[in-house]
Amino acid sequence: MTAHMNTKVAEQMTALQKSEGLKPLAAAPRDLAAECSAQVKEEPAPRAGDTEQSGQPPRLPPEEANEWHIGGKTLTSRFFLGTAAYPSPQILQDAIRASGAQVVTMGLRRQLSAGGQAGDFFALIQATGAHLLPNTAGCHTAREAITLAHMARELFDTPWIKLEVVGDAHTLQPDPFELLAAATQLVKDGFEVFPYCMDDLVSCQRLLDAGCTVLMPWGAPIGSGQGLVNPGALRTLRARLSGVPLIVDAGIGSPADAVQAMELGLDAVLLNSAVAHALDPVRMARAFKLGIASGRLAYEAGVMPRQDMAVASTPVAGYPILL
């Protein structure tokens, strides 16, 4: 094709010279297509605002890339699943298996108040092979939460506790003062505390000072399905609390919300209502599994920075090609 272009260009040059009364050039015609191609750089053109990214996750060997550690356990799944409000125990079990979740959470107070047997429910969870993370949902004071945490440890023989102390009945927003008081005491009592907290940096730092090794900031009010209402705050937590496991808890509505959380660099996602209230909880559990894995992979790969203007993806030379 290049030879054809060169011949055509040479014919056009000869015709132009004859019309102007000029003698044809003795030298061979220039390879214009080759010259134009030479103007195209092999390297991508620099983009406005490009900077070297910092704080990127470590490049791990393939066999270790999916492993992470929390509360003394090694996990491969970054999906924590709640167990309330499913249509049936069988659908719950099927959803857990479809999700690939290795940690599931259960509200002991709600389970007992509903007339259920905690031991029977625990057996259902054990059948899936997942670790149980008991929670103190429904507690409004540090004293209530501490008492319930000790009951959960006796019943389920685990030091893990998802600590919830609600301060507002309308938004179910955590009470930062009661939460800190309960976390301080439970850490002293030997618990591995997973505090459900706000996305406030200072409050999170105080929980870490109290001995918590993991944080569970909310994305939005529990069960609202609003997604991440303040992604900037979560981004700040990730940047300022490097190395601290951060699990988005509450407010996730769709797999797209989970992808966004993982792309921000958070370590895992905990949700319940988005799966339990879906028309098909089992298929939705699988959808979240794929979304969480996708978001984490994108974070590790390095998402391109956003630009304020168009940036050509295919650089071109500044010379036209005559056809």
Protein backbone atom coordinates (compact mmCIF):
# COMPACT_ATOMS: atom_id res chain seq x y z
CA MET A 1 0.00 0.00 0.00
CA THR A 2 2.91 2.33 0.80
CA ALA A 3 4.45 1.75 -2.67
CA HIS A 4 1.09 2.59 -4.26
CA MET A 5 0.89 5.82 -2.23
CA ASN A 6 4.45 6.79 -3.25
CA THR A 7 3.71 6.19 -6.95
CA LYS A 8 0.53 8.26 -6.75
CA VAL A 9 2.35 11.09 -4.96
CA ALA A 10 5.13 11.02 -7.61
CA GLU A 11 2.57 11.23 -10.45
CA GLN A 12 0.88 14.21 -8.78
CA MET A 13 4.26 15.97 -8.33
CA THR A 14 5.20 15.38 -12.02
CA ALA A 15 1.86 16.69 -13.28
CA LEU A 16 2.22 19.80 -11.10
CA GLN A 17 5.75 20.46 -12.38
CA LYS A 18 4.66 20.16 -16.04
CA SER A 19 1.74 22.56 -15.52
CA GLU A 20 4.13 25.11 -14.00
CA GLY A 21 6.74 24.63 -16.74
CA LEU A 22 9.30 23.12 -14.38
CA LYS A 23 11.70 20.31 -15.16
CA PRO A 24 11.08 17.06 -13.36
CA LEU A 25 13.45 16.38 -10.45
CA ALA A 26 16.15 13.87 -11.24
CA ALA A 27 16.27 12.59 -7.70
CA ALA A 28 14.00 9.76 -6.57
CA PRO A 29 10.72 10.89 -5.06
CA ARG A 30 10.73 11.22 -1.31
CA ASP A 31 8.97 8.51 0.71
CA LEU A 32 6.41 10.91 2.22
CA ALA A 33 4.43 8.19 3.92
CA ALA A 34 7.58 6.94 5.63
CA GLU A 35 8.49 10.48 6.71
CA CYS A 36 5.03 11.04 8.17
CA SER A 37 5.21 7.73 9.97
CA ALA A 38 8.57 8.71 11.39
CA GLN A 39 6.94 11.75 12.99
CA VAL A 40 4.67 9.54 15.09
CA LYS A 41 6.27 8.83 18.46
CA GLU A 42 6.09 5.33 19.84
CA GLU A 43 5.67 6.58 23.43
CA PRO A 44 2.27 7.95 24.54
CA ALA A 45 2.01 11.71 24.55
CA PRO A 46 2.36 13.31 28.01
CA ARG A 47 -0.97 14.25 29.61
CA ALA A 48 -1.73 17.30 31.67
CA GLY A 49 -1.61 16.58 35.37
CA ASP A 50 0.26 13.27 35.06
CA THR A 51 2.17 12.59 38.26
CA GLU A 52 3.80 9.57 39.78
CA GLN A 53 1.20 7.83 41.92
CA SER A 54 2.04 7.25 45.55
CA GLY A 55 0.67 4.79 48.04
CA GLN A 56 0.10 2.09 45.45
CA PRO A 57 -0.54 -1.41 46.83
CA PRO A 58 2.51 -3.71 46.81
CA ARG A 59 3.05 -5.93 43.81
CA LEU A 60 2.62 -9.42 45.18
CA PRO A 61 3.37 -12.78 43.55
CA PRO A 62 0.27 -14.21 41.83
CA GLU A 63 -0.21 -16.88 44.48
CA GLU A 64 -0.28 -14.24 47.25
CA ALA A 65 -2.13 -11.43 45.47
CA ASN A 66 -5.55 -12.44 46.76
CA GLU A 67 -4.55 -13.11 50.38
CA TRP A 68 -5.02 -10.58 53.14
CA HIS A 69 -4.92 -10.76 56.92
CA ILE A 70 -7.39 -9.53 59.49
CA GLY A 71 -8.08 -10.40 63.11
CA GLY A 72 -5.49 -13.16 63.11
CA LYS A 73 -6.96 -14.92 60.07
CA THR A 74 -5.90 -15.13 56.44
CA LEU A 75 -8.67 -14.56 53.91
CA THR A 76 -8.97 -14.54 50.13
CA SER A 77 -12.49 -13.07 49.88
CA ARG A 78 -13.08 -9.37 50.56
CA PHE A 79 -16.84 -9.76 50.82
CA PHE A 80 -18.42 -9.79 54.31
CA LEU A 81 -22.09 -10.74 54.22
CA GLY A 82 -24.92 -10.09 56.67
CA THR A 83 -27.49 -12.76 57.48
CA ALA A 84 -30.74 -10.92 58.27
CA ALA A 85 -34.05 -10.74 56.38
CA TYR A 86 -33.48 -13.55 53.87
CA PRO A 87 -36.59 -15.29 52.50
CA SER A 88 -35.50 -18.65 53.95
CA PRO A 89 -32.53 -20.36 55.63
CA GLN A 90 -31.85 -22.29 52.42
CA ILE A 91 -31.64 -19.10 50.34
CA LEU A 92 -29.30 -17.64 52.97
CA GLN A 93 -27.00 -20.65 52.71
CA ASP A 94 -27.08 -20.56 48.92
CA ALA A 95 -26.34 -16.82 48.93
CA ILE A 96 -23.34 -17.28 51.24
CA ARG A 97 -21.92 -19.94 48.96
CA ALA A 98 -22.57 -17.86 45.82
CA SER A 99 -20.93 -14.83 47.40
CA GLY A 100 -17.72 -16.65 48.25
CA ALA A 101 -17.80 -14.77 51.57
CA GLN A 102 -15.56 -16.23 54.25
CA VAL A 103 -16.97 -13.99 57.00
CA VAL A 104 -20.65 -13.54 57.82
CA THR A 105 -22.14 -11.39 60.55
CA MET A 106 -25.13 -12.00 62.80
CA GLY A 107 -26.95 -9.82 65.31
CA LEU A 108 -27.23 -11.88 68.48
CA ARG A 109 -29.76 -9.55 70.11
CA ARG A 110 -32.07 -9.57 67.10
CA GLN A 111 -31.74 -13.32 66.69
CA LEU A 112 -32.77 -13.99 70.29
CA SER A 113 -35.54 -11.37 70.31
CA ALA A 114 -37.05 -12.99 67.21
CA GLY A 115 -37.36 -16.25 69.11
CA GLY A 116 -34.58 -18.00 67.19
CA GLN A 117 -32.05 -20.39 68.69
CA ALA A 118 -28.55 -18.97 68.38
CA GLY A 119 -27.04 -22.45 68.35
CA ASP A 120 -29.19 -23.58 65.43
CA PHE A 121 -28.34 -20.48 63.44
CA PHE A 122 -24.65 -20.93 64.22
CA ALA A 123 -24.81 -24.49 62.88
CA LEU A 124 -26.32 -23.15 59.66
CA ILE A 125 -23.40 -20.74 59.28
CA GLN A 126 -20.83 -23.41 60.11
CA ALA A 127 -22.24 -25.60 57.35
CA THR A 128 -21.12 -23.01 54.80
CA GLY A 129 -17.54 -22.95 56.13
CA ALA A 130 -17.63 -19.20 56.84
CA HIS A 131 -16.28 -17.49 59.96
CA LEU A 132 -18.90 -15.90 62.20
CA LEU A 133 -18.61 -12.24 63.17
CA PRO A 134 -21.23 -11.62 65.91
CA ASN A 135 -22.47 -8.05 66.17
CA THR A 136 -24.08 -5.87 68.80
CA ALA A 137 -26.80 -4.46 66.55
CA GLY A 138 -29.63 -2.84 68.50
CA CYS A 139 -27.47 -1.59 71.37
CA HIS A 140 -27.65 2.09 72.35
CA THR A 141 -25.15 2.25 75.21
CA ALA A 142 -21.63 1.03 75.82
CA ARG A 143 -22.87 -1.08 78.74
CA GLU A 144 -25.40 -2.92 76.56
CA ALA A 145 -22.82 -3.57 73.86
CA ILE A 146 -20.20 -4.86 76.30
CA THR A 147 -22.66 -7.27 77.91
CA LEU A 148 -23.81 -8.60 74.54
CA ALA A 149 -20.23 -9.00 73.32
CA HIS A 150 -19.38 -11.21 76.29
CA MET A 151 -22.50 -13.31 75.66
CA ALA A 152 -21.48 -13.76 72.02
CA ARG A 153 -17.97 -14.86 72.98
CA GLU A 154 -19.38 -17.48 75.35
CA LEU A 155 -21.89 -18.79 72.83
CA PHE A 156 -19.72 -18.86 69.71
CA ASP A 157 -16.22 -19.20 71.16
CA THR A 158 -14.79 -16.31 69.15
CA PRO A 159 -13.04 -13.10 70.25
CA TRP A 160 -14.35 -11.33 67.14
CA ILE A 161 -17.08 -8.77 67.69
CA LYS A 162 -18.59 -6.25 65.32
CA LEU A 163 -19.26 -3.38 67.69
CA GLU A 164 -22.37 -1.32 66.99
CA VAL A 165 -23.63 1.38 69.37
CA VAL A 166 -26.40 3.40 67.76
CA GLY A 167 -26.78 7.06 68.68
CA ASP A 168 -29.74 8.08 66.52
CA ALA A 169 -32.81 5.94 65.87
CA HIS A 170 -33.65 7.67 62.56
CA THR A 171 -30.29 7.40 60.78
CA LEU A 172 -28.86 4.54 62.90
CA GLN A 173 -25.72 6.65 63.06
CA PRO A 174 -23.10 5.35 65.51
CA ASP A 175 -22.66 7.19 68.82
CA PRO A 176 -18.94 8.08 68.69
CA PHE A 177 -18.65 8.54 72.47
CA GLU A 178 -20.38 5.35 73.57
CA LEU A 179 -18.65 3.47 70.77
CA LEU A 180 -15.22 4.58 71.94
CA ALA A 181 -16.03 3.70 75.57
CA ALA A 182 -17.22 0.21 74.59
CA ALA A 183 -14.27 -0.40 72.26
CA THR A 184 -11.76 0.64 74.94
CA GLN A 185 -13.21 -1.83 77.45
CA LEU A 186 -13.64 -4.71 75.00
CA VAL A 187 -10.05 -4.42 73.79
CA LYS A 188 -8.95 -4.67 77.43
CA ASP A 189 -11.16 -7.75 77.76
CA GLY A 190 -9.32 -9.47 74.91
CA PHE A 191 -11.75 -8.95 72.05
CA GLU A 192 -10.84 -8.35 68.42
CA VAL A 193 -13.10 -5.33 67.92
CA PHE A 194 -14.54 -4.43 64.51
CA PRO A 195 -16.13 -1.03 65.22
CA TYR A 196 -18.95 0.23 63.00
CA CYS A 197 -18.11 3.93 62.88
CA MET A 198 -18.53 7.17 60.98
CA ASP A 199 -16.15 8.20 58.21
CA ASP A 200 -14.67 10.91 60.46
CA LEU A 201 -10.87 10.78 60.55
CA VAL A 202 -10.40 11.96 64.14
CA SER A 203 -13.01 9.53 65.53
CA CYS A 204 -11.30 6.71 63.65
CA GLN A 205 -7.91 7.69 65.03
CA ARG A 206 -9.30 7.60 68.57
CA LEU A 207 -10.60 4.06 68.00
CA LEU A 208 -7.17 3.00 66.81
CA ASP A 209 -5.63 4.62 69.89
CA ALA A 210 -8.01 2.52 72.01
CA GLY A 211 -6.54 -0.65 70.49
CA CYS A 212 -8.80 -1.42 67.54
CA THR A 213 -6.87 -2.89 64.61
CA VAL A 214 -9.63 -2.64 62.00
CA LEU A 215 -12.28 -0.01 61.21
CA MET A 216 -15.69 -0.29 59.56
CA PRO A 217 -16.71 3.20 58.38
CA TRP A 218 -20.19 3.57 56.93
CA GLY A 219 -20.86 4.36 53.30
CA ALA A 220 -24.38 5.62 54.04
CA PRO A 221 -27.12 4.96 56.62
CA ILE A 222 -27.80 1.26 57.23
CA GLY A 223 -30.19 -0.29 54.72
CA SER A 224 -30.57 2.92 52.71
CA GLY A 225 -28.94 1.66 49.51
CA GLN A 226 -27.54 5.16 48.87
CA GLY A 227 -24.04 3.94 48.08
CA LEU A 228 -21.04 6.04 49.11
CA VAL A 229 -22.45 9.44 50.11
CA ASN A 230 -19.02 10.84 50.98
CA PRO A 231 -16.31 9.11 48.94
CA GLY A 232 -13.92 11.98 49.67
CA ALA A 233 -13.96 11.12 53.39
CA LEU A 234 -13.26 7.47 52.65
CA ARG A 235 -10.42 8.47 50.35
CA THR A 236 -8.96 10.56 53.19
CA LEU A 237 -9.22 7.63 55.61
CA ARG A 238 -7.37 5.40 53.16
CA ALA A 239 -4.61 7.98 52.64
CA ARG A 240 -4.15 8.87 56.33
CA LEU A 241 -4.59 5.40 57.84
CA SER A 242 -2.27 3.46 55.60
CA GLY A 243 -1.99 -0.18 56.59
CA VAL A 244 -5.19 -0.21 58.67
CA PRO A 245 -7.82 -2.63 57.32
CA LEU A 246 -10.86 -0.54 56.30
CA ILE A 247 -14.17 -2.27 55.60
CA VAL A 248 -17.06 -0.25 54.19
CA ASP A 249 -20.10 -1.13 56.27
CA ALA A 250 -23.67 -0.02 55.57
CA GLY A 251 -25.44 1.82 52.75
CA ILE A 252 -24.22 -0.23 49.79
CA GLY A 253 -27.04 -0.60 47.27
CA SER A 254 -25.61 -2.16 44.12
CA PRO A 255 -22.44 -3.87 42.91
CA ALA A 256 -21.40 -0.52 41.36
CA ASP A 257 -21.17 0.95 44.89
CA ALA A 258 -18.95 -1.94 45.95
CA VAL A 259 -16.70 -1.45 42.93
CA GLN A 260 -16.30 2.23 43.82
CA ALA A 261 -15.36 1.39 47.41
CA MET A 262 -12.74 -1.11 46.31
CA GLU A 263 -11.29 1.26 43.71
CA LEU A 264 -10.74 3.77 46.53
CA GLY A 265 -8.42 1.22 48.11
CA LEU A 266 -10.62 0.01 50.93
CA ASP A 267 -9.96 -3.55 51.95
CA ALA A 268 -13.42 -5.11 51.98
CA VAL A 269 -17.16 -4.49 51.84
CA LEU A 270 -19.82 -5.62 54.32
CA LEU A 271 -23.46 -5.55 53.29
CA ASN A 272 -26.75 -7.28 53.99
CA SER A 273 -29.88 -5.59 52.64
CA ALA A 274 -28.64 -5.25 49.05
CA VAL A 275 -28.50 -9.04 48.77
CA ALA A 276 -31.28 -10.09 51.16
CA HIS A 277 -33.85 -7.72 49.58
CA ALA A 278 -32.96 -8.50 45.96
CA LEU A 279 -35.49 -10.33 43.81
CA ASP A 280 -32.92 -13.11 43.48
CA PRO A 281 -30.57 -12.96 46.50
CA VAL A 282 -28.36 -15.79 45.27
CA ARG A 283 -27.64 -14.19 41.90
CA MET A 284 -27.17 -10.80 43.55
CA ALA A 285 -24.64 -12.32 45.94
CA ARG A 286 -22.65 -13.56 42.97
CA ALA A 287 -22.91 -10.15 41.30
CA PHE A 288 -21.40 -8.50 44.38
CA LYS A 289 -18.66 -11.13 44.51
CA LEU A 290 -17.61 -10.29 40.95
CA GLY A 291 -17.92 -6.52 41.53
CA ILE A 292 -15.75 -6.56 44.65
CA ALA A 293 -13.09 -8.67 42.94
CA SER A 294 -13.18 -6.35 39.91
CA GLY A 295 -12.83 -3.19 42.01
CA ARG A 296 -9.90 -4.58 43.96
CA LEU A 297 -8.13 -5.66 40.77
CA ALA A 298 -8.64 -2.19 39.28
CA TYR A 299 -7.16 -0.57 42.40
CA GLU A 300 -4.11 -2.84 42.27
CA ALA A 301 -3.67 -2.15 38.54
CA GLY A 302 -3.86 1.64 39.06
CA VAL A 303 -6.87 3.53 37.75
CA MET A 304 -5.93 6.34 35.34
CA PRO A 305 -6.28 9.89 36.71
CA ARG A 306 -9.23 11.98 35.60
CA GLN A 307 -8.57 14.97 33.33
CA ASP A 308 -10.34 18.32 33.01
CA MET A 309 -10.09 18.25 29.21
CA ALA A 310 -9.83 15.82 26.34
CA VAL A 311 -6.53 13.99 25.92
CA ALA A 312 -5.92 12.31 22.57
CA SER A 313 -5.42 8.58 23.05
CA THR A 314 -3.75 8.24 19.63
CA PRO A 315 -1.03 10.86 19.00
CA VAL A 316 -0.67 11.96 15.36
CA ALA A 317 1.99 13.76 13.27
CA GLY A 318 1.62 17.40 12.31
CA TYR A 319 1.97 16.72 8.57
CA PRO A 320 -0.87 15.70 6.22
CA ILE A 321 -0.59 12.59 4.11
CA LEU A 322 -1.46 13.12 0.47
CA LEU A 323 -3.74 10.42 -0.90
